[in-house]
């Protein structure tokens, strides 16, 4: 993955990122020699978000299947969470 410096981005603008995205899927932005950000086109970002949400759904379904769920009222939920926090503080 090619890296563009923050200074290069500042002086040349988004065109430097667009030029790199023609040849690769992501461009790393480095700040003071450290890679800090990744730029990609919106279609790839949307696909990654879709994968992330699909993985979260699979985790939730696995939790339901394994019985790692609570069915309770809002008041009971607040009490359980609050009690757990207080127990952690003790």
Foldseek 3Di string as FASTA:
>chain_A
DEEDEPVNCVVVPCVVVVVVCVPDAWYFYDYPNHGDDIDGDPVVVVVVVVVVVVVVVVVVVVCVVVVVDDDDDPVVVVVVVVVVVVVVVD
